[in-house]
N, C-alpha and C. Protein backbone atom coordinates (compact mmCIF):
# COMPACT_ATOMS: atom_id res chain seq x y z
N MET A 1 37.01 -27.75 246.69
CA MET A 1 35.86 -28.19 247.13
C MET A 1 35.78 -28.01 248.69
N ARG A 2 34.73 -27.67 249.21
CA ARG A 2 34.57 -27.30 250.72
C ARG A 2 33.78 -28.33 251.22
N ILE A 3 34.01 -28.96 252.24
CA ILE A 3 33.20 -30.07 253.04
C ILE A 3 33.22 -29.56 254.52
N LEU A 4 32.20 -29.43 255.12
CA LEU A 4 31.85 -29.28 256.34
C LEU A 4 31.63 -30.56 257.19
N VAL A 5 32.18 -30.74 258.55
CA VAL A 5 31.97 -31.89 259.23
C VAL A 5 31.52 -31.26 260.67
N VAL A 6 30.29 -31.77 260.83
CA VAL A 6 29.62 -31.20 262.05
C VAL A 6 29.50 -32.46 263.13
N ASP A 7 30.47 -32.33 264.11
CA ASP A 7 30.35 -33.55 265.09
C ASP A 7 31.17 -32.85 266.33
N ASP A 8 30.51 -33.25 267.30
CA ASP A 8 31.16 -32.81 268.61
C ASP A 8 32.23 -33.62 269.31
N HIS A 9 32.85 -34.64 268.47
CA HIS A 9 33.95 -35.34 269.06
C HIS A 9 35.15 -34.99 267.97
N HIS A 10 36.26 -34.35 268.92
CA HIS A 10 37.36 -33.88 267.96
C HIS A 10 38.12 -35.23 267.05
N LEU A 11 38.16 -36.31 267.91
CA LEU A 11 38.75 -37.40 267.06
C LEU A 11 37.95 -37.85 265.86
N VAL A 12 36.63 -37.68 266.02
CA VAL A 12 35.95 -38.02 264.57
C VAL A 12 36.22 -37.08 263.45
N ARG A 13 36.25 -35.85 263.93
CA ARG A 13 36.47 -34.58 262.92
C ARG A 13 37.97 -35.00 262.25
N GLU A 14 38.92 -35.14 263.13
CA GLU A 14 40.22 -35.44 262.75
C GLU A 14 40.48 -36.74 261.89
N GLY A 15 39.73 -37.76 262.28
CA GLY A 15 39.89 -38.86 261.73
C GLY A 15 39.12 -39.00 260.36
N VAL A 16 38.25 -38.30 259.99
CA VAL A 16 37.64 -38.38 258.82
C VAL A 16 38.29 -37.42 257.64
N ARG A 17 39.21 -36.32 258.15
CA ARG A 17 39.96 -35.70 257.21
C ARG A 17 40.61 -36.39 256.20
N PRO A 18 41.54 -37.29 256.47
CA PRO A 18 42.21 -37.92 255.34
C PRO A 18 41.10 -38.78 254.41
N LEU A 19 40.13 -39.27 254.94
CA LEU A 19 39.27 -39.81 254.01
C LEU A 19 38.62 -38.90 252.99
N LEU A 20 38.30 -37.51 253.41
CA LEU A 20 37.90 -36.53 252.61
C LEU A 20 38.86 -36.12 251.50
N GLY A 21 40.19 -36.10 251.95
CA GLY A 21 41.08 -35.77 250.94
C GLY A 21 41.16 -36.81 250.02
N ARG A 22 40.59 -37.96 250.03
CA ARG A 22 40.61 -39.08 248.73
C ARG A 22 39.46 -38.66 247.84
N LEU A 23 38.61 -37.69 248.15
CA LEU A 23 37.47 -37.29 247.12
C LEU A 23 38.10 -36.47 246.17
N ALA A 24 39.34 -35.88 246.29
CA ALA A 24 39.94 -34.91 245.51
C ALA A 24 40.01 -35.25 244.02
N GLU A 25 39.63 -34.73 243.11
CA GLU A 25 39.98 -35.10 241.70
C GLU A 25 41.39 -34.54 241.24
N ALA A 26 41.80 -34.71 240.26
CA ALA A 26 43.10 -34.44 239.86
C ALA A 26 43.23 -32.88 239.74
N GLY A 27 44.35 -32.41 240.57
CA GLY A 27 44.46 -30.95 240.70
C GLY A 27 43.38 -30.29 241.57
N GLU A 28 42.65 -30.92 242.15
CA GLU A 28 41.60 -30.32 243.09
C GLU A 28 42.17 -30.27 244.66
N ALA A 29 41.76 -29.11 245.37
CA ALA A 29 42.08 -29.24 246.65
C ALA A 29 40.73 -29.34 247.47
N ILE A 30 40.95 -30.14 248.60
CA ILE A 30 39.77 -30.24 249.52
C ILE A 30 39.79 -29.41 250.79
N GLU A 31 39.12 -28.64 251.06
CA GLU A 31 39.20 -27.80 252.14
C GLU A 31 38.10 -28.18 253.21
N VAL A 32 38.48 -28.85 254.46
CA VAL A 32 37.68 -29.28 255.48
C VAL A 32 37.34 -28.45 256.52
N LEU A 33 36.11 -27.97 256.74
CA LEU A 33 35.72 -27.08 257.53
C LEU A 33 35.02 -27.85 259.00
N GLU A 34 35.22 -27.49 260.22
CA GLU A 34 34.69 -28.11 261.25
C GLU A 34 33.92 -27.33 262.15
N ALA A 35 32.86 -28.10 262.74
CA ALA A 35 31.90 -27.41 263.77
C ALA A 35 31.78 -28.38 264.94
N ALA A 36 31.86 -28.13 266.19
CA ALA A 36 31.50 -29.05 267.20
C ALA A 36 30.20 -28.86 267.74
N THR A 37 29.51 -28.00 267.30
CA THR A 37 28.06 -27.80 267.62
C THR A 37 27.28 -27.62 266.40
N PHE A 38 25.94 -27.75 266.51
CA PHE A 38 25.16 -27.35 265.39
C PHE A 38 25.12 -25.82 264.94
N ARG A 39 25.03 -25.12 265.85
CA ARG A 39 25.10 -23.60 265.72
C ARG A 39 26.32 -23.29 264.98
N GLU A 40 27.56 -23.80 265.38
CA GLU A 40 28.65 -23.36 264.77
C GLU A 40 28.80 -23.84 263.46
N GLY A 41 27.98 -24.93 263.07
CA GLY A 41 27.74 -25.44 261.72
C GLY A 41 26.92 -24.55 260.75
N LEU A 42 25.92 -23.94 261.31
CA LEU A 42 25.27 -22.94 260.77
C LEU A 42 26.07 -21.90 260.29
N VAL A 43 26.86 -21.34 261.39
CA VAL A 43 27.63 -20.07 261.03
C VAL A 43 28.62 -20.46 259.88
N GLN A 44 29.12 -21.63 259.76
CA GLN A 44 29.96 -22.13 258.63
C GLN A 44 29.44 -22.07 257.37
N VAL A 45 28.14 -22.65 257.21
CA VAL A 45 27.30 -22.71 256.19
C VAL A 45 27.01 -21.35 255.50
N LYS A 46 26.54 -20.18 256.18
CA LYS A 46 26.31 -19.03 256.08
C LYS A 46 27.53 -18.34 255.62
N ARG A 47 28.80 -18.42 256.27
CA ARG A 47 30.00 -17.82 255.80
C ARG A 47 30.46 -18.51 254.49
N HIS A 48 30.16 -19.77 254.10
CA HIS A 48 30.65 -20.31 253.07
C HIS A 48 29.53 -20.79 252.21
N PRO A 49 28.94 -19.99 251.40
CA PRO A 49 27.89 -20.48 250.69
C PRO A 49 28.32 -21.59 249.54
N ASP A 50 29.44 -21.72 249.33
CA ASP A 50 30.05 -22.71 248.26
C ASP A 50 30.29 -24.20 248.76
N ILE A 51 30.01 -24.14 250.18
CA ILE A 51 30.20 -25.79 250.73
C ILE A 51 29.25 -26.74 249.61
N GLU A 52 30.13 -27.69 249.33
CA GLU A 52 29.70 -28.66 248.51
C GLU A 52 28.87 -30.00 249.20
N LEU A 53 29.15 -30.15 250.57
CA LEU A 53 28.64 -31.38 251.41
C LEU A 53 28.89 -30.85 252.83
N VAL A 54 27.83 -31.42 253.58
CA VAL A 54 27.79 -31.44 255.02
C VAL A 54 27.75 -32.69 255.61
N LEU A 55 28.81 -33.13 256.53
CA LEU A 55 28.60 -34.41 257.07
C LEU A 55 28.02 -34.15 258.60
N LEU A 56 27.06 -34.68 258.89
CA LEU A 56 26.45 -34.23 260.20
C LEU A 56 25.98 -35.52 261.16
N ASP A 57 26.41 -35.24 262.18
CA ASP A 57 26.09 -36.31 263.25
C ASP A 57 24.83 -36.10 263.99
N LEU A 58 24.05 -36.92 264.37
CA LEU A 58 22.77 -36.74 264.87
C LEU A 58 22.91 -36.24 266.43
N ARG A 59 23.93 -36.61 267.09
CA ARG A 59 23.91 -36.41 268.44
C ARG A 59 25.04 -35.25 268.66
N LEU A 60 24.33 -34.05 268.82
CA LEU A 60 25.14 -32.72 268.97
C LEU A 60 24.73 -32.27 270.42
N PRO A 61 25.45 -31.57 271.05
CA PRO A 61 25.03 -30.97 272.42
C PRO A 61 23.94 -29.81 272.38
N ASP A 62 24.07 -29.07 271.29
CA ASP A 62 22.95 -28.14 271.31
C ASP A 62 21.64 -28.30 270.60
N VAL A 63 21.17 -29.57 270.21
CA VAL A 63 20.13 -29.73 269.26
C VAL A 63 19.64 -31.20 269.50
N ALA A 64 18.28 -31.36 269.52
CA ALA A 64 17.93 -32.83 269.86
C ALA A 64 17.76 -33.51 268.48
N GLY A 65 18.33 -34.81 268.25
CA GLY A 65 17.94 -35.82 267.25
C GLY A 65 18.03 -35.21 265.96
N PHE A 66 16.94 -35.26 265.13
CA PHE A 66 16.71 -34.88 263.82
C PHE A 66 16.53 -33.37 263.62
N ASP A 67 16.44 -32.62 264.73
CA ASP A 67 16.05 -31.22 264.59
C ASP A 67 17.28 -30.50 263.82
N ALA A 68 18.42 -31.00 263.87
CA ALA A 68 19.51 -30.25 263.22
C ALA A 68 19.59 -30.37 261.56
N LEU A 69 19.11 -31.71 261.30
CA LEU A 69 18.75 -32.10 259.78
C LEU A 69 17.71 -31.26 259.30
N VAL A 70 16.67 -31.15 260.09
CA VAL A 70 15.29 -30.40 259.44
C VAL A 70 15.64 -28.99 259.35
N GLU A 71 16.36 -28.37 260.32
CA GLU A 71 16.72 -26.85 260.26
C GLU A 71 17.65 -26.56 259.28
N LEU A 72 18.67 -27.40 259.13
CA LEU A 72 19.62 -27.35 258.06
C LEU A 72 18.99 -27.45 256.70
N GLN A 73 18.04 -28.21 256.34
CA GLN A 73 17.49 -28.33 255.15
C GLN A 73 16.25 -27.30 254.92
N ARG A 74 15.80 -26.85 255.95
CA ARG A 74 15.14 -25.60 255.81
C ARG A 74 15.55 -24.33 255.44
N GLU A 75 16.69 -24.16 256.30
CA GLU A 75 17.51 -22.81 255.98
C GLU A 75 18.30 -22.96 254.61
N HIS A 76 18.97 -24.06 254.40
CA HIS A 76 19.88 -24.29 253.21
C HIS A 76 19.57 -25.46 252.49
N PRO A 77 18.34 -25.53 251.64
CA PRO A 77 18.13 -26.57 251.26
C PRO A 77 19.02 -27.09 249.97
N GLU A 78 19.83 -26.06 249.51
CA GLU A 78 20.66 -26.34 248.26
C GLU A 78 22.05 -27.28 248.64
N VAL A 79 22.22 -27.28 250.14
CA VAL A 79 23.41 -27.77 250.59
C VAL A 79 23.18 -29.41 250.69
N PRO A 80 23.88 -30.18 250.08
CA PRO A 80 23.70 -31.77 250.20
C PRO A 80 24.09 -32.17 251.70
N VAL A 81 23.24 -32.82 252.37
CA VAL A 81 23.74 -33.36 253.59
C VAL A 81 23.90 -34.85 253.60
N VAL A 82 24.84 -35.50 254.29
CA VAL A 82 24.98 -36.91 254.67
C VAL A 82 25.14 -37.00 256.02
N VAL A 83 24.19 -37.79 256.62
CA VAL A 83 24.21 -38.04 258.22
C VAL A 83 25.35 -39.00 258.36
N MET A 84 26.35 -38.88 259.20
CA MET A 84 27.18 -39.78 259.69
C MET A 84 26.97 -40.00 261.05
N SER A 85 26.56 -41.20 261.56
CA SER A 85 26.26 -41.32 262.87
C SER A 85 26.50 -42.72 263.49
N GLY A 86 26.71 -42.85 264.82
CA GLY A 86 26.68 -44.10 265.48
C GLY A 86 25.63 -44.95 265.45
N GLU A 87 24.38 -44.39 265.24
CA GLU A 87 23.36 -45.10 265.18
C GLU A 87 23.15 -46.02 263.78
N ASP A 88 22.83 -47.09 263.94
CA ASP A 88 22.77 -47.87 262.55
C ASP A 88 21.62 -48.62 262.52
N ASP A 89 20.37 -48.31 263.26
CA ASP A 89 19.13 -49.19 262.97
C ASP A 89 18.53 -48.53 261.96
N ALA A 90 17.69 -49.35 261.07
CA ALA A 90 16.91 -49.05 260.11
C ALA A 90 15.91 -47.97 260.36
N ALA A 91 15.28 -47.80 261.25
CA ALA A 91 14.28 -46.47 261.60
C ALA A 91 15.01 -45.34 261.41
N SER A 92 16.12 -45.24 262.17
CA SER A 92 16.97 -43.99 262.17
C SER A 92 17.56 -43.57 260.68
N VAL A 93 17.88 -44.46 259.81
CA VAL A 93 18.11 -44.35 258.55
C VAL A 93 17.16 -43.96 257.60
N ARG A 94 15.92 -44.48 257.88
CA ARG A 94 14.83 -44.12 256.94
C ARG A 94 14.12 -42.69 257.34
N GLU A 95 14.20 -42.32 258.73
CA GLU A 95 13.98 -40.93 259.01
C GLU A 95 14.72 -40.22 258.41
N ALA A 96 16.10 -40.26 258.62
CA ALA A 96 16.99 -39.26 258.04
C ALA A 96 17.03 -39.01 256.37
N LEU A 97 16.56 -40.01 255.88
CA LEU A 97 16.30 -39.96 254.25
C LEU A 97 15.03 -39.29 254.05
N GLU A 98 14.09 -39.61 254.84
CA GLU A 98 12.77 -38.82 254.62
C GLU A 98 12.80 -37.41 255.13
N ARG A 99 13.66 -37.13 255.93
CA ARG A 99 13.84 -35.67 256.24
C ARG A 99 14.77 -34.81 255.38
N GLY A 100 15.43 -35.42 254.36
CA GLY A 100 16.23 -34.91 253.36
C GLY A 100 17.58 -35.13 253.28
N ALA A 101 18.16 -35.93 254.04
CA ALA A 101 19.57 -36.50 253.73
C ALA A 101 19.62 -37.19 252.51
N LEU A 102 20.86 -37.13 251.89
CA LEU A 102 21.06 -37.74 250.60
C LEU A 102 21.85 -39.08 250.87
N GLY A 103 22.31 -39.29 252.17
CA GLY A 103 22.85 -40.40 252.46
C GLY A 103 23.00 -40.66 253.92
N TYR A 104 23.14 -41.84 254.25
CA TYR A 104 23.38 -42.11 255.82
C TYR A 104 24.49 -43.26 255.77
N ILE A 105 25.64 -42.71 256.76
CA ILE A 105 26.73 -43.70 256.91
C ILE A 105 26.99 -43.92 258.22
N PRO A 106 26.96 -45.30 258.66
CA PRO A 106 27.29 -45.55 259.97
C PRO A 106 28.60 -45.43 260.31
N LYS A 107 28.92 -44.83 261.39
CA LYS A 107 30.39 -44.60 261.85
C LYS A 107 31.09 -45.98 261.75
N SER A 108 30.50 -46.94 262.04
CA SER A 108 31.18 -48.19 262.07
C SER A 108 31.63 -48.67 260.59
N SER A 109 31.28 -47.88 259.60
CA SER A 109 31.80 -48.15 258.06
C SER A 109 33.11 -48.13 257.97
N SER A 110 33.78 -49.03 257.02
CA SER A 110 35.15 -49.15 256.61
C SER A 110 35.45 -47.88 256.10
N PRO A 111 36.76 -47.39 256.02
CA PRO A 111 37.19 -46.24 255.04
C PRO A 111 36.71 -46.27 253.65
N GLU A 112 36.75 -47.47 253.12
CA GLU A 112 36.48 -47.60 251.77
C GLU A 112 35.20 -47.39 251.52
N VAL A 113 34.32 -47.75 252.42
CA VAL A 113 32.72 -47.78 252.25
C VAL A 113 32.32 -46.16 252.30
N ILE A 114 33.05 -45.39 253.36
CA ILE A 114 32.70 -44.08 253.66
C ILE A 114 33.14 -43.20 252.35
N VAL A 115 34.21 -43.41 251.80
CA VAL A 115 34.82 -42.84 250.73
C VAL A 115 33.76 -43.07 249.35
N HIS A 116 33.40 -44.28 249.30
CA HIS A 116 32.50 -44.86 248.11
C HIS A 116 31.13 -43.93 248.34
N ALA A 117 30.74 -44.13 249.48
CA ALA A 117 29.31 -43.31 249.83
C ALA A 117 29.33 -41.85 249.43
N LEU A 118 30.29 -41.09 249.92
CA LEU A 118 30.53 -39.92 249.65
C LEU A 118 30.71 -39.31 248.14
N ARG A 119 31.58 -40.26 247.39
CA ARG A 119 31.82 -40.01 246.06
C ARG A 119 30.17 -40.24 245.40
N LEU A 120 29.46 -41.12 245.76
CA LEU A 120 28.33 -41.39 245.25
C LEU A 120 27.39 -40.26 245.23
N VAL A 121 27.23 -39.47 246.48
CA VAL A 121 26.54 -38.43 246.78
C VAL A 121 26.79 -37.36 246.01
N LEU A 122 28.30 -36.94 245.82
CA LEU A 122 28.62 -35.84 245.30
C LEU A 122 28.59 -36.10 243.78
N SER A 123 28.40 -37.19 243.07
CA SER A 123 27.94 -37.50 241.78
C SER A 123 26.51 -37.38 241.55
N GLY A 124 25.66 -37.20 242.67
CA GLY A 124 24.30 -36.98 242.17
C GLY A 124 23.59 -38.22 242.82
N GLY A 125 24.16 -39.26 243.31
CA GLY A 125 23.44 -40.35 243.71
C GLY A 125 22.88 -40.19 245.23
N THR A 126 22.41 -41.25 245.77
CA THR A 126 21.83 -41.24 247.14
C THR A 126 22.42 -42.54 247.66
N TYR A 127 23.16 -42.59 249.08
CA TYR A 127 23.67 -43.72 249.53
C TYR A 127 22.64 -44.16 250.67
N VAL A 128 22.42 -45.47 250.60
CA VAL A 128 21.73 -46.26 251.73
C VAL A 128 22.63 -47.37 252.10
N PRO A 129 22.98 -47.79 253.19
CA PRO A 129 23.54 -48.78 253.79
C PRO A 129 22.86 -50.04 253.15
N PRO A 130 23.77 -51.07 252.62
CA PRO A 130 23.06 -52.11 251.98
C PRO A 130 22.43 -52.84 253.10
N GLU A 131 23.08 -53.14 254.21
CA GLU A 131 22.25 -54.00 255.17
C GLU A 131 21.09 -53.38 255.68
N ILE A 132 20.90 -51.96 255.76
CA ILE A 132 19.57 -51.41 256.18
C ILE A 132 18.69 -51.64 254.78
N MET A 133 19.04 -51.41 253.82
CA MET A 133 18.02 -51.79 252.73
C MET A 133 17.65 -53.26 252.75
N GLY A 134 18.30 -54.23 253.19
CA GLY A 134 17.86 -55.61 253.23
C GLY A 134 16.95 -55.65 254.44
N GLY A 135 17.26 -54.90 255.41
CA GLY A 135 16.19 -54.92 256.65
C GLY A 135 14.80 -54.32 256.27
N ALA A 136 15.16 -53.31 255.50
CA ALA A 136 13.52 -52.65 254.94
C ALA A 136 12.92 -53.46 254.19
N ALA A 137 13.52 -54.50 253.55
CA ALA A 137 12.79 -55.23 252.55
C ALA A 137 12.32 -56.54 253.07
N GLN A 138 12.80 -56.93 254.17
CA GLN A 138 12.57 -58.14 254.81
C GLN A 138 10.97 -58.50 254.74
N ALA A 139 10.21 -57.42 254.93
CA ALA A 139 8.68 -57.82 255.15
C ALA A 139 8.06 -58.11 253.63
N ALA A 140 8.85 -57.88 252.73
CA ALA A 140 8.37 -58.06 251.34
C ALA A 140 9.34 -59.35 250.63
N PRO A 141 8.52 -60.03 249.79
CA PRO A 141 9.31 -61.17 249.18
C PRO A 141 10.22 -60.65 248.15
N ARG A 142 11.48 -61.02 247.96
CA ARG A 142 12.60 -60.86 247.04
C ARG A 142 11.94 -61.41 245.66
N THR A 143 11.77 -60.42 244.68
CA THR A 143 11.66 -60.72 243.46
C THR A 143 12.49 -60.32 242.40
N THR A 144 12.23 -60.90 241.21
CA THR A 144 13.31 -60.28 240.22
C THR A 144 13.01 -58.94 239.77
N GLY A 145 13.70 -58.27 238.90
CA GLY A 145 13.47 -56.96 238.39
C GLY A 145 12.34 -56.89 237.48
N ALA A 146 12.18 -57.88 236.64
CA ALA A 146 11.16 -57.93 235.86
C ALA A 146 9.59 -58.13 236.52
N THR A 147 9.80 -58.95 237.70
CA THR A 147 8.59 -59.18 238.16
C THR A 147 8.21 -57.92 239.21
N ASN A 148 9.22 -57.24 239.74
CA ASN A 148 9.18 -55.95 240.33
C ASN A 148 8.36 -54.81 239.42
N ALA A 149 8.86 -54.84 238.26
CA ALA A 149 8.45 -53.93 237.36
C ALA A 149 7.11 -54.20 236.85
N ALA A 150 6.70 -55.56 236.64
CA ALA A 150 5.33 -55.76 236.46
C ALA A 150 4.38 -55.49 237.60
N ARG A 151 4.64 -55.89 238.90
CA ARG A 151 3.85 -55.62 239.99
C ARG A 151 3.60 -53.98 239.93
N LEU A 152 4.52 -53.27 239.69
CA LEU A 152 4.33 -51.62 239.76
C LEU A 152 3.82 -51.18 238.48
N GLY A 153 3.57 -51.82 237.60
CA GLY A 153 2.79 -51.49 236.22
C GLY A 153 4.03 -50.91 235.29
N LEU A 154 5.40 -51.21 235.58
CA LEU A 154 6.30 -50.46 234.75
C LEU A 154 6.72 -51.45 233.75
N THR A 155 7.41 -50.93 232.73
CA THR A 155 8.17 -51.63 231.53
C THR A 155 9.35 -52.24 232.32
N ALA A 156 9.78 -53.39 231.49
CA ALA A 156 11.25 -54.18 231.94
C ALA A 156 12.07 -53.11 232.01
N ARG A 157 12.38 -52.06 230.98
CA ARG A 157 13.59 -51.13 231.11
C ARG A 157 13.18 -50.12 232.39
N GLN A 158 12.13 -49.78 232.74
CA GLN A 158 11.91 -48.88 233.91
C GLN A 158 12.32 -49.96 235.18
N GLY A 159 12.13 -51.17 235.22
CA GLY A 159 12.60 -52.02 236.09
C GLY A 159 13.98 -51.97 236.45
N GLU A 160 14.67 -51.86 235.23
CA GLU A 160 16.23 -51.76 235.40
C GLU A 160 16.70 -50.57 235.88
N VAL A 161 15.89 -49.33 235.38
CA VAL A 161 16.22 -48.12 235.78
C VAL A 161 16.11 -47.95 237.51
N LEU A 162 14.83 -48.53 237.82
CA LEU A 162 14.55 -48.72 239.26
C LEU A 162 15.60 -49.46 240.11
N ALA A 163 16.19 -50.52 239.63
CA ALA A 163 17.12 -51.20 240.48
C ALA A 163 18.36 -50.40 240.41
N LEU A 164 18.68 -49.72 239.53
CA LEU A 164 19.93 -49.01 239.47
C LEU A 164 19.79 -47.65 240.50
N LEU A 165 18.51 -47.24 240.47
CA LEU A 165 18.13 -45.91 241.46
C LEU A 165 18.30 -46.54 242.91
N VAL A 166 17.63 -47.84 243.14
CA VAL A 166 17.79 -48.21 244.57
C VAL A 166 19.62 -48.45 244.87
N ALA A 167 20.10 -48.78 243.91
CA ALA A 167 21.55 -49.10 244.03
C ALA A 167 22.43 -47.94 244.29
N GLY A 168 21.53 -46.59 244.23
CA GLY A 168 22.34 -45.33 244.58
C GLY A 168 22.86 -44.49 243.44
N LYS A 169 22.69 -45.03 242.17
CA LYS A 169 23.23 -44.69 240.95
C LYS A 169 22.56 -43.21 240.60
N SER A 170 23.56 -42.23 240.10
CA SER A 170 23.09 -40.96 239.60
C SER A 170 22.68 -41.12 238.30
N ASN A 171 21.88 -40.21 237.65
CA ASN A 171 21.35 -40.11 236.25
C ASN A 171 22.37 -40.50 235.31
N LYS A 172 23.51 -39.93 235.42
CA LYS A 172 24.54 -40.20 234.46
C LYS A 172 25.17 -41.51 234.64
N GLN A 173 25.27 -42.08 235.78
CA GLN A 173 25.55 -43.47 235.78
C GLN A 173 24.64 -44.34 235.27
N ILE A 174 23.46 -44.06 235.29
CA ILE A 174 22.37 -44.97 234.86
C ILE A 174 22.42 -44.90 233.13
N CYS A 175 22.63 -43.74 232.79
CA CYS A 175 22.71 -43.55 231.42
C CYS A 175 23.82 -44.32 230.99
N ARG A 176 25.05 -44.42 231.58
CA ARG A 176 26.01 -45.24 231.00
C ARG A 176 25.97 -46.68 231.05
N GLU A 177 25.35 -47.02 232.16
CA GLU A 177 25.03 -48.29 232.27
C GLU A 177 24.13 -49.05 231.42
N LEU A 178 23.14 -48.24 231.09
CA LEU A 178 21.82 -48.83 230.27
C LEU A 178 22.17 -48.25 228.93
N GLY A 179 23.04 -47.40 228.45
CA GLY A 179 23.32 -46.84 227.24
C GLY A 179 21.98 -46.07 226.75
N LEU A 180 21.34 -45.09 227.72
CA LEU A 180 20.32 -44.35 227.48
C LEU A 180 20.71 -42.77 227.29
N ALA A 181 19.83 -42.08 226.78
CA ALA A 181 19.88 -40.67 226.94
C ALA A 181 19.38 -40.14 228.20
N GLU A 182 19.86 -39.03 228.72
CA GLU A 182 19.60 -38.52 229.94
C GLU A 182 18.10 -38.17 229.99
N GLY A 183 17.65 -37.66 228.86
CA GLY A 183 16.19 -37.33 228.72
C GLY A 183 15.21 -38.59 228.87
N THR A 184 15.74 -39.71 228.25
CA THR A 184 15.02 -40.89 228.52
C THR A 184 14.98 -41.54 229.92
N VAL A 185 16.18 -41.24 230.52
CA VAL A 185 16.24 -41.70 231.96
C VAL A 185 15.10 -40.87 232.86
N LYS A 186 15.28 -39.64 232.57
CA LYS A 186 14.20 -38.67 233.41
C LYS A 186 12.90 -39.28 233.11
N SER A 187 12.47 -39.72 231.91
CA SER A 187 11.25 -40.00 231.54
C SER A 187 10.96 -41.31 232.35
N HIS A 188 11.70 -42.16 232.30
CA HIS A 188 11.51 -43.26 233.12
C HIS A 188 11.58 -43.24 234.79
N LEU A 189 12.33 -42.24 235.19
CA LEU A 189 12.17 -41.91 236.66
C LEU A 189 10.81 -41.25 237.06
N ALA A 190 10.31 -40.56 235.95
CA ALA A 190 9.02 -39.83 236.47
C ALA A 190 8.02 -40.85 236.33
N ALA A 191 7.86 -41.83 235.66
CA ALA A 191 7.24 -43.02 235.70
C ALA A 191 7.07 -43.72 236.82
N ILE A 192 8.36 -43.88 237.26
CA ILE A 192 8.75 -44.84 238.55
C ILE A 192 8.22 -44.11 239.74
N PHE A 193 8.45 -42.73 239.80
CA PHE A 193 7.96 -42.06 240.89
C PHE A 193 6.40 -41.87 241.04
N LYS A 194 5.70 -41.94 239.64
CA LYS A 194 4.45 -41.99 239.71
C LYS A 194 3.80 -43.47 240.25
N ALA A 195 4.52 -44.35 239.88
CA ALA A 195 3.93 -45.71 240.21
C ALA A 195 4.13 -46.01 241.61
N LEU A 196 5.05 -45.47 242.16
CA LEU A 196 5.45 -45.68 243.77
C LEU A 196 4.86 -44.56 244.53
N GLY A 197 4.13 -43.71 244.02
CA GLY A 197 3.51 -42.48 244.81
C GLY A 197 4.33 -41.52 245.38
N VAL A 198 5.62 -41.38 244.96
CA VAL A 198 6.52 -40.52 245.55
C VAL A 198 6.99 -39.34 244.75
N ALA A 199 7.71 -38.39 245.16
CA ALA A 199 8.03 -37.20 244.39
C ALA A 199 9.56 -37.01 244.56
N THR A 200 10.41 -37.86 245.17
CA THR A 200 11.81 -37.59 244.99
C THR A 200 12.79 -38.81 244.98
N ARG A 201 14.03 -38.86 244.71
CA ARG A 201 14.70 -40.05 244.46
C ARG A 201 14.74 -40.88 246.04
N VAL A 202 14.95 -40.00 247.04
CA VAL A 202 15.06 -40.65 248.24
C VAL A 202 14.02 -41.38 248.59
N GLN A 203 12.57 -40.58 248.52
CA GLN A 203 11.41 -41.24 248.69
C GLN A 203 11.24 -42.66 247.88
N ALA A 204 11.77 -42.71 246.78
CA ALA A 204 11.57 -43.79 245.65
C ALA A 204 12.53 -45.06 246.16
N VAL A 205 13.58 -44.54 246.73
CA VAL A 205 14.51 -45.68 247.22
C VAL A 205 14.02 -46.27 248.70
N ILE A 206 13.36 -45.57 249.31
CA ILE A 206 12.82 -46.00 250.54
C ILE A 206 11.44 -47.06 250.18
N ALA A 207 10.51 -46.43 249.31
CA ALA A 207 9.48 -47.20 248.92
C ALA A 207 9.66 -48.53 248.18
N ALA A 208 10.76 -48.30 247.29
CA ALA A 208 11.22 -49.53 246.69
C ALA A 208 11.78 -50.49 247.53
N GLY A 209 12.60 -50.18 248.66
CA GLY A 209 13.14 -51.12 249.56
C GLY A 209 12.21 -51.84 250.44
N LYS A 210 11.05 -51.02 250.69
CA LYS A 210 9.81 -51.61 251.40
C LYS A 210 9.07 -52.82 250.60
N LEU A 211 9.03 -52.52 249.29
CA LEU A 211 8.55 -53.53 248.30
C LEU A 211 9.54 -54.62 247.88
N GLY A 212 10.61 -54.88 248.53
CA GLY A 212 11.61 -55.85 248.09
C GLY A 212 12.37 -55.54 246.83
N VAL A 213 12.33 -54.50 246.49
CA VAL A 213 13.20 -54.30 245.17
C VAL A 213 14.61 -54.01 245.67
N LYS A 214 15.52 -54.81 244.94
CA LYS A 214 17.02 -54.75 245.28
C LYS A 214 17.80 -54.06 244.16
N GLY A 215 18.81 -53.44 244.56
CA GLY A 215 19.67 -52.76 243.77
C GLY A 215 20.77 -53.74 243.17
């Protein structure tokens, strides 16, 4: 597995290496590529089309703010991107997810949280810092899963799927936890997306958070 770390701080790139090594499955090798600028990162992605994950800092010397994420998504939409940043405000997290990131990890996170978040994304899930989801939901009253489902015109089972989606679970994990076939989960997700007026998992997580849905 190849993972690219794009960060202009050498200590950050070196510090994350041992954590990425913990993502390896039995008998699997992890190759960590590095880039100190966004342009160097683009060169690495073009040179290694089999990169399975990009960890991207938001503060790079050769690009402004979210422009790096936007360009990377435009040029290489097939590459999963997780933002790992010193910024930990809710607005930055929401904007990163809305612009295509599959996860947002504050650099203040513990090693265990970072590893968990990356495993979640690699398994097909989406990682949103729990404290950020809590902040996004403050404007809405907290309700039970059944109440949320009723408010959105969903069935109780679809409410359960929605709660697991907000928790960052992948389709396979939802299947296991609820004992459902993958096709059934996909049907439930389609209904959830329609009810929320969204088209992607990330948009659904953001919209559900604003409504007070908790994972």
